Amino acid sequence: GKPAYEKVDGDGGRYLFYSSKKRRWKVHASLDDSVGGFAYAKSDGRQAPGTDLVWHVFDGSGNGFNEDRAVRCQPLAGGASEKEADGARSTASSESDSNDDASSSESDSSESGDEEDG
């Protein structure tokens, strides 16, 4: 399995994980792959998420997911924890230049059409 990264600043749950089913990295409030989340970036999953990914951010139930080139994912030296399915931990994190607070209606999106293309 792929690693999952957890934001650990005490601001509430945020996870970055790879969805093999959707073939993309996702940012979500939990490690739940069954519904849409805050953001996603398409990827073959061969590498950890990096600065070269193009992120699509949830803009509300009427707007769906839209590309936001200001969003970046990069390692945070000596930072947060990494959780794998077996509970192992090491260091890694994600960072965003964009607001990561999405509307509570994000679960209504169920990974809308904007996310399903290609």
Protein backbone atom coordinates (compact mmCIF):
# COMPACT_ATOMS: atom_id res chain seq x y z
CA GLY A 1 0.00 0.00 0.00
CA LYS A 2 0.85 3.65 -0.35
CA PRO A 3 1.59 5.93 2.61
CA ALA A 4 -1.01 8.36 3.95
CA TYR A 5 0.01 11.71 5.39
CA GLU A 6 -1.72 13.42 8.29
CA LYS A 7 -1.77 17.15 9.04
CA VAL A 8 -0.89 17.35 12.73
CA ASP A 9 -1.17 21.02 13.67
CA GLY A 10 -4.20 20.47 15.93
CA ASP A 11 -6.53 22.24 13.47
CA GLY A 12 -8.62 19.17 12.74
CA GLY A 13 -8.16 16.11 10.61
CA ARG A 14 -6.66 16.43 7.14
CA TYR A 15 -5.22 13.45 5.32
CA LEU A 16 -3.35 13.13 2.05
CA PHE A 17 -3.60 9.61 0.61
CA TYR A 18 -3.47 7.79 -2.70
CA SER A 19 -6.68 6.32 -4.12
CA SER A 20 -5.83 3.31 -6.28
CA LYS A 21 -9.46 3.12 -7.34
CA LYS A 22 -9.49 6.73 -8.64
CA ARG A 23 -5.76 6.85 -9.53
CA ARG A 24 -5.14 10.13 -7.71
CA TRP A 25 -3.83 11.67 -4.53
CA LYS A 26 -6.67 13.01 -2.38
CA VAL A 27 -6.99 15.44 0.54
CA HIS A 28 -9.86 14.49 2.84
CA ALA A 29 -11.02 14.87 6.45
CA SER A 30 -10.61 11.10 6.90
CA LEU A 31 -9.01 8.15 5.13
CA ASP A 32 -12.36 7.50 3.40
CA ASP A 33 -12.13 6.91 -0.34
CA SER A 34 -15.88 6.46 -0.87
CA VAL A 35 -16.78 10.17 -1.12
CA GLY A 36 -15.22 13.37 -2.45
CA GLY A 37 -12.84 15.36 -0.33
CA PHE A 38 -11.20 18.78 -0.29
CA ALA A 39 -8.85 18.31 -3.25
CA TYR A 40 -7.29 15.77 -5.59
CA ALA A 41 -4.43 15.45 -8.08
CA LYS A 42 -4.35 12.76 -10.78
CA SER A 43 -1.32 10.50 -10.62
CA ASP A 44 -0.19 7.01 -11.51
CA GLY A 45 0.90 6.67 -7.87
CA ARG A 46 4.45 5.55 -8.63
CA GLN A 47 5.91 8.43 -6.62
CA ALA A 48 5.06 10.26 -3.44
CA PRO A 49 3.07 13.44 -4.09
CA GLY A 50 5.33 16.29 -5.16
CA THR A 51 5.33 19.84 -6.45
CA ASP A 52 4.68 18.74 -10.04
CA LEU A 53 1.09 17.60 -9.39
CA VAL A 54 -1.85 19.72 -10.60
CA TRP A 55 -4.45 19.98 -7.83
CA HIS A 56 -8.22 20.36 -8.22
CA VAL A 57 -9.88 21.96 -5.19
CA PHE A 58 -13.52 21.66 -4.14
CA ASP A 59 -15.25 25.04 -4.68
CA GLY A 60 -18.69 24.18 -3.30
CA SER A 61 -21.53 21.92 -4.36
CA GLY A 62 -22.54 24.22 -7.23
CA ASN A 63 -19.00 24.57 -8.58
CA GLY A 64 -17.43 21.15 -8.01
CA PHE A 65 -13.65 20.67 -8.28
CA ASN A 66 -11.56 23.25 -10.13
CA GLU A 67 -7.88 23.39 -10.99
CA ASP A 68 -5.85 25.56 -8.61
CA ARG A 69 -2.21 25.93 -9.65
CA ALA A 70 -1.44 27.77 -6.40
CA VAL A 71 -1.86 24.53 -4.41
CA ARG A 72 1.42 22.70 -3.82
CA CYS A 73 2.45 19.60 -1.94
CA GLN A 74 5.97 19.46 -0.59
CA PRO A 75 7.80 17.70 2.26
CA LEU A 76 8.04 19.52 5.55
CA ALA A 77 11.48 18.79 6.98
CA GLY A 78 11.31 17.13 10.39
CA GLY A 79 7.57 17.69 10.43
CA ALA A 80 4.41 15.69 10.68
CA SER A 81 3.68 11.98 10.88
CA GLU A 82 3.06 9.48 8.12
CA LYS A 83 0.55 6.67 8.70
CA GLU A 84 0.46 3.50 6.69
CA ALA A 85 -2.32 0.94 6.81
CA ASP A 86 -0.27 -1.17 9.24
CA GLY A 87 0.21 1.81 11.59
CA ALA A 88 3.91 2.42 10.83
CA ARG A 89 5.13 6.01 11.17
CA SER A 90 7.86 8.14 9.63
CA THR A 91 8.16 11.84 8.78
CA ALA A 92 6.37 13.64 5.95
CA SER A 93 3.73 16.29 5.41
CA SER A 94 1.87 18.33 2.83
CA GLU A 95 1.71 22.07 2.47
CA SER A 96 -0.76 24.22 0.57
CA ASP A 97 -0.56 27.84 -0.48
CA SER A 98 -4.33 27.77 -0.84
CA ASN A 99 -7.04 27.77 1.83
CA ASP A 100 -7.64 24.15 2.87
CA ASP A 101 -10.96 24.83 4.62
CA ALA A 102 -13.72 23.45 2.41
CA SER A 103 -17.43 23.80 2.96
CA SER A 104 -19.14 21.07 4.93
CA SER A 105 -21.11 20.36 1.75
CA GLU A 106 -18.01 18.69 0.29
CA SER A 107 -19.48 15.31 1.06
CA ASP A 108 -22.42 16.19 -1.19
CA SER A 109 -20.08 16.24 -4.19
CA SER A 110 -19.45 12.48 -4.17
CA GLU A 111 -16.54 13.20 -6.48
CA SER A 112 -18.58 15.08 -9.05
CA GLY A 113 -18.15 15.10 -12.82
CA ASP A 114 -15.25 17.58 -12.66
CA GLU A 115 -13.25 14.96 -10.82
CA GLU A 116 -14.27 12.02 -12.94
CA ASP A 117 -12.91 13.20 -16.29
CA GLY A 118 -9.99 11.30 -17.88
